[in-house]
Amino acid sequence: MPGFALFDGRIIVAGEGTDYTNLPVESAPPLEVIMQEREATKESLQKLEQLEKDREAVQKLASSKKVVHIIHTHNSEAFLPELETDDPKEAHHHKINVTLIGEKLSQELEKRGIGTVVEKRDIQAMLVERGWTYSQSYDASRELIKEVMQKEEDLQYFFDIHRDSLPRKQTTVTLNGVDYAKTFFVIGGNFANYKENVHLAEQLHQRLEEKYPGVSRGVVVREGARTNGKFNQDLSSNSLLIEVGGIENTLEETYRTAEALADVFADYYWEKEAAAASKGEEER
């Protein structure tokens, strides 16, 4: 069907309201559009400043053992309510973007005793410098991931944070009168061991459903010739691409979701650690 490549994928777990008509859609504007200077709202710049102050406080709690890596392959992806534009094609910014979600997620994980490394380098700027196209974003981020894997030997989990291009009604849920940006776990299927990543995604989806019902839209596998199909997840058996919200969500909504993700992941992580320690005791 014409245009159906936009929805190319297999739904592994469908959250409430999820079907093949509303799978995540990645925007892919020309790099010159992405790199244009745009005005962010005064309020969004204040949110950035506050997040930076929060980092200073969290840094005192940060674990020296870094087990989670957070990257943003499409780091310019932004949110219209935070910008001085209402044009979906211009939902990109060099500072007010998905990297703030990754930073918030990092801080919430650190509060829960889980050390993180957040990639700060501008991948879209790398593409421009090299004369690469937007479709080569994952080639650029792959270099950065492999580099940090060599430096930080304790890393076990790899999260690539994105935002969807779908409208607000499909990317937002209200819990107890408070709006959250919805997540979608995207797994590449174009390599042999992708089911290990599927398992992690399923675990986090289920835990979100139990504690934050409706926040997760589900788990989808992207595979075939019309998609990247790896998203660098072949580098680790604990690697996820996580869509958080869409172009019409606010940063506050994505921050709540980042906190929810940290909450359920911390439960999962510490349960795994406890089980491993218990097994070690038994073997001794």
Protein backbone atom coordinates (compact mmCIF):
# COMPACT_ATOMS: atom_id res chain seq x y z
CA MET A 1 0.00 0.00 0.00
CA PRO A 2 1.36 3.48 -0.85
CA GLY A 3 2.81 5.19 2.22
CA PHE A 4 2.45 2.11 4.41
CA ALA A 5 6.22 2.06 4.97
CA LEU A 6 5.57 4.78 7.56
CA PHE A 7 3.89 2.12 9.68
CA ASP A 8 6.23 -0.74 8.85
CA GLY A 9 6.55 -2.91 11.93
CA ARG A 10 5.17 -5.74 14.04
CA ILE A 11 3.28 -4.95 17.20
CA ILE A 12 4.57 -7.24 19.94
CA VAL A 13 2.56 -5.70 22.77
CA ALA A 14 -0.27 -3.25 22.13
CA GLY A 15 -1.07 -0.73 24.80
CA GLU A 16 -4.53 0.76 25.07
CA GLY A 17 -5.57 2.33 21.75
CA THR A 18 -2.52 1.08 19.84
CA ASP A 19 -2.97 -0.42 16.38
CA TYR A 20 -1.24 -0.35 12.99
CA THR A 21 -2.67 3.08 12.15
CA ASN A 22 -0.92 4.92 14.97
CA LEU A 23 2.54 3.39 15.29
CA PRO A 24 5.40 5.85 15.94
CA VAL A 25 6.27 8.13 13.04
CA GLU A 26 9.77 9.56 12.84
CA SER A 27 10.00 13.00 11.28
CA ALA A 28 12.82 13.29 8.76
CA PRO A 29 13.12 16.89 7.58
CA PRO A 30 16.15 18.11 5.63
CA LEU A 31 19.14 18.91 7.83
CA GLU A 32 19.02 22.57 6.83
CA VAL A 33 15.53 22.75 8.37
CA ILE A 34 16.68 20.96 11.53
CA MET A 35 19.67 23.25 12.01
CA GLN A 36 17.78 26.53 11.60
CA GLU A 37 17.80 28.83 14.62
CA ARG A 38 14.39 29.01 16.33
CA GLU A 39 13.07 30.90 19.32
CA ALA A 40 12.19 28.90 22.40
CA THR A 41 9.68 30.27 24.88
CA LYS A 42 10.95 32.08 27.94
CA GLU A 43 9.32 29.43 30.11
CA SER A 44 11.15 26.58 28.35
CA LEU A 45 14.50 28.30 28.84
CA GLN A 46 13.67 28.57 32.54
CA LYS A 47 12.96 24.82 32.58
CA LEU A 48 16.38 24.20 31.06
CA GLU A 49 18.02 26.37 33.71
CA GLN A 50 16.18 24.55 36.49
CA LEU A 51 17.19 21.15 35.11
CA GLU A 52 20.82 22.25 35.12
CA LYS A 53 20.49 23.32 38.77
CA ASP A 54 18.88 19.99 39.61
CA ARG A 55 21.87 18.21 38.07
CA GLU A 56 24.20 19.94 40.51
CA ALA A 57 22.19 18.58 43.45
CA VAL A 58 21.89 15.08 42.00
CA GLN A 59 25.60 14.96 41.21
CA LYS A 60 26.31 14.58 44.93
CA LEU A 61 24.29 11.34 44.88
CA ALA A 62 25.67 10.00 41.60
CA SER A 63 27.00 6.45 41.65
CA SER A 64 30.56 5.89 40.49
CA LYS A 65 29.42 2.67 38.82
CA LYS A 66 27.79 3.65 35.52
CA VAL A 67 25.36 1.00 34.28
CA VAL A 68 22.94 2.98 32.04
CA HIS A 69 23.87 4.88 28.89
CA ILE A 70 21.44 7.45 27.49
CA ILE A 71 21.75 8.88 24.00
CA HIS A 72 19.54 10.88 21.63
CA THR A 73 20.25 9.92 18.02
CA HIS A 74 17.78 12.56 16.78
CA ASN A 75 18.82 15.05 19.44
CA SER A 76 17.12 18.10 17.92
CA GLU A 77 13.59 16.65 18.19
CA ALA A 78 11.55 19.21 20.12
CA PHE A 79 8.05 20.06 21.33
CA LEU A 80 5.85 22.79 19.85
CA PRO A 81 4.50 24.14 23.20
CA GLU A 82 8.10 24.98 24.14
CA LEU A 83 8.85 26.88 20.91
CA GLU A 84 7.68 30.12 19.32
CA THR A 85 6.14 28.23 16.39
CA ASP A 86 3.13 26.02 15.73
CA ASP A 87 4.49 24.46 12.53
CA PRO A 88 5.09 20.70 13.03
CA LYS A 89 7.89 20.82 10.47
CA GLU A 90 9.77 23.21 12.76
CA ALA A 91 9.58 21.07 15.91
CA HIS A 92 13.37 21.10 16.26
CA HIS A 93 15.68 23.10 18.53
CA HIS A 94 19.36 22.95 19.41
CA LYS A 95 18.77 23.17 23.19
CA ILE A 96 15.08 22.69 24.06
CA ASN A 97 14.64 19.15 22.83
CA VAL A 98 14.61 15.45 23.75
CA THR A 99 18.02 15.72 25.41
CA LEU A 100 16.21 17.30 28.37
CA ILE A 101 14.16 14.11 28.76
CA GLY A 102 17.35 12.07 28.81
CA GLU A 103 18.83 14.39 31.41
CA LYS A 104 15.69 14.13 33.57
CA LEU A 105 15.72 10.33 33.24
CA SER A 106 19.38 10.29 34.23
CA GLN A 107 18.73 12.37 37.33
CA GLU A 108 15.81 10.20 38.41
CA LEU A 109 17.90 7.05 37.96
CA GLU A 110 20.78 8.53 39.94
CA LYS A 111 18.36 9.32 42.79
CA ARG A 112 17.53 5.61 42.82
CA GLY A 113 21.17 4.57 43.03
CA ILE A 114 21.65 3.75 39.35
CA GLY A 115 24.68 5.36 37.73
CA THR A 116 24.25 6.83 34.26
CA VAL A 117 26.22 8.31 31.40
CA VAL A 118 24.38 10.82 29.19
CA GLU A 119 25.73 11.55 25.71
CA LYS A 120 25.88 15.33 25.28
CA ARG A 121 27.39 15.64 21.81
CA ASP A 122 25.25 17.07 19.02
CA ILE A 123 24.70 14.26 16.53
CA GLN A 124 22.86 16.42 14.00
CA ALA A 125 25.79 18.85 14.00
CA MET A 126 28.11 15.88 13.38
CA LEU A 127 26.08 15.03 10.27
CA VAL A 128 26.41 18.56 8.92
CA GLU A 129 30.16 18.66 9.61
CA ARG A 130 30.66 15.38 7.73
CA GLY A 131 28.27 16.12 4.89
CA TRP A 132 26.10 13.17 5.92
CA THR A 133 22.34 12.87 5.55
CA TYR A 134 19.72 12.58 8.30
CA SER A 135 19.35 8.88 7.48
CA GLN A 136 22.94 8.38 8.68
CA SER A 137 22.13 9.55 12.21
CA TYR A 138 22.42 6.02 13.60
CA ASP A 139 25.83 5.60 11.97
CA ALA A 140 27.01 8.67 13.86
CA SER A 141 25.46 7.66 17.19
CA ARG A 142 26.91 4.16 16.78
CA GLU A 143 30.42 5.61 16.92
CA LEU A 144 29.60 7.41 20.18
CA ILE A 145 28.04 4.33 21.76
CA LYS A 146 31.00 2.11 20.88
CA GLU A 147 33.36 4.75 22.24
CA VAL A 148 31.61 4.95 25.62
CA MET A 149 31.35 1.15 25.83
CA GLN A 150 35.15 1.00 25.74
CA LYS A 151 35.50 3.66 28.45
CA GLU A 152 32.77 2.49 30.84
CA GLU A 153 33.04 -1.26 31.30
CA ASP A 154 30.10 -1.45 33.76
CA LEU A 155 27.50 -0.28 31.25
CA GLN A 156 24.68 -2.79 30.87
CA TYR A 157 21.67 -0.86 29.54
CA PHE A 158 21.43 1.48 26.55
CA PHE A 159 18.48 3.83 26.01
CA ASP A 160 18.02 5.99 22.90
CA ILE A 161 15.39 8.67 23.64
CA HIS A 162 13.20 10.07 20.84
CA ARG A 163 9.86 11.83 20.43
CA ASP A 164 7.04 10.86 18.12
CA SER A 165 5.56 13.03 15.36
CA LEU A 166 1.96 12.06 16.12
CA PRO A 167 -0.53 14.60 17.60
CA ARG A 168 -1.28 15.08 21.27
CA LYS A 169 -4.40 12.93 21.51
CA GLN A 170 -2.33 9.86 20.58
CA THR A 171 0.69 10.64 22.75
CA THR A 172 -0.89 11.77 26.04
CA VAL A 173 -2.66 10.03 28.91
CA THR A 174 -4.20 11.49 32.07
CA LEU A 175 -3.62 9.73 35.40
CA ASN A 176 -5.22 11.10 38.56
CA GLY A 177 -5.84 14.40 36.83
CA VAL A 178 -2.24 14.77 35.64
CA ASP A 179 -1.08 14.49 32.01
CA TYR A 180 1.79 12.19 31.04
CA ALA A 181 3.51 11.83 27.67
CA LYS A 182 3.06 8.29 26.40
CA THR A 183 5.99 6.00 25.62
CA PHE A 184 6.51 3.48 22.85
CA PHE A 185 9.30 0.90 22.94
CA VAL A 186 10.80 0.38 19.47
CA ILE A 187 13.02 -2.62 18.77
CA GLY A 188 15.03 -3.23 15.61
CA GLY A 189 14.49 -6.70 14.18
CA ASN A 190 17.20 -6.81 11.51
CA PHE A 191 19.72 -8.78 13.58
CA ALA A 192 19.86 -12.22 15.17
CA ASN A 193 19.44 -11.54 18.89
CA TYR A 194 16.78 -8.82 18.84
CA LYS A 195 14.39 -10.88 21.00
CA GLU A 196 16.59 -10.21 24.03
CA ASN A 197 15.84 -6.50 23.65
CA VAL A 198 12.17 -7.33 23.09
CA HIS A 199 12.16 -9.11 26.46
CA LEU A 200 13.45 -6.01 28.27
CA ALA A 201 10.87 -3.82 26.51
CA GLU A 202 8.07 -6.21 27.48
CA GLN A 203 9.20 -6.15 31.11
CA LEU A 204 9.18 -2.36 31.29
CA HIS A 205 5.85 -2.12 29.44
CA GLN A 206 4.22 -4.51 31.89
CA ARG A 207 5.58 -2.66 34.89
CA LEU A 208 4.37 0.66 33.50
CA GLU A 209 0.93 -0.86 32.98
CA GLU A 210 0.82 -1.94 36.61
CA LYS A 211 1.95 1.36 38.15
CA TYR A 212 1.12 3.93 35.43
CA PRO A 213 -1.66 2.38 33.31
CA GLY A 214 -1.88 3.81 29.81
CA VAL A 215 1.52 5.49 29.81
CA SER A 216 3.07 2.81 27.58
CA ARG A 217 1.63 2.50 24.09
CA GLY A 218 3.35 -0.85 23.73
CA VAL A 219 6.26 -2.58 22.02
CA VAL A 220 6.88 -2.68 18.26
CA VAL A 221 9.56 -4.38 16.17
CA ARG A 222 10.81 -2.54 13.08
CA GLU A 223 12.37 -4.78 10.46
CA GLY A 224 12.83 -5.22 6.73
CA ALA A 225 14.45 -3.21 3.97
CA ARG A 226 12.45 -0.01 4.55
CA THR A 227 13.75 0.74 8.03
CA ASN A 228 17.09 0.97 9.82
CA GLY A 229 16.09 -2.21 11.62
CA LYS A 230 18.98 -2.14 14.13
CA PHE A 231 19.01 1.26 15.83
CA ASN A 232 22.41 0.16 17.25
CA GLN A 233 20.62 -2.39 19.44
CA ASP A 234 22.84 -5.15 18.08
CA LEU A 235 25.57 -3.71 20.32
CA SER A 236 23.80 -4.82 23.51
CA SER A 237 21.12 -7.29 24.58
CA ASN A 238 19.68 -4.59 26.86
CA SER A 239 19.12 -1.80 24.36
CA LEU A 240 15.92 0.15 23.73
CA LEU A 241 14.71 2.99 21.55
CA ILE A 242 12.07 4.80 23.62
CA GLU A 243 9.67 7.29 22.08
CA VAL A 244 8.54 9.74 24.77
CA GLY A 245 5.57 11.91 23.82
CA GLY A 246 4.93 13.70 20.54
CA ILE A 247 5.33 17.14 19.00
CA GLU A 248 2.42 18.59 21.02
CA ASN A 249 3.48 17.44 24.47
CA THR A 250 5.06 19.74 27.04
CA LEU A 251 8.36 19.18 28.80
CA GLU A 252 6.51 18.79 32.12
CA GLU A 253 4.56 15.88 30.65
CA THR A 254 7.70 14.21 29.35
CA TYR A 255 9.45 14.77 32.70
CA ARG A 256 6.65 12.94 34.51
CA THR A 257 7.08 10.07 32.11
CA ALA A 258 10.85 10.07 32.60
CA GLU A 259 10.25 9.76 36.33
CA ALA A 260 7.79 6.90 35.74
CA LEU A 261 10.34 5.12 33.53
CA ALA A 262 13.02 5.56 36.19
CA ASP A 263 10.64 4.22 38.82
CA VAL A 264 9.80 0.98 37.02
CA PHE A 265 13.29 0.45 35.63
CA ALA A 266 14.81 0.85 39.10
CA ASP A 267 12.46 -1.83 40.42
CA TYR A 268 13.46 -4.11 37.55
CA TYR A 269 17.17 -3.41 37.91
CA TRP A 270 17.42 -3.89 41.65
CA GLU A 271 15.34 -7.07 41.49
CA LYS A 272 17.80 -8.43 38.90
CA GLU A 273 20.74 -7.41 41.06
CA ALA A 274 19.25 -9.08 44.12
CA ALA A 275 18.56 -12.27 42.18
CA ALA A 276 22.12 -12.33 40.85
CA ALA A 277 23.54 -11.80 44.35
CA SER A 278 21.34 -14.56 45.75
CA LYS A 279 22.45 -16.96 43.01
CA GLY A 280 26.06 -16.10 43.73
CA GLU A 281 25.58 -16.92 47.41
CA GLU A 282 24.01 -20.27 46.56
CA GLU A 283 26.87 -21.20 44.23
CA ARG A 284 29.40 -20.39 46.95
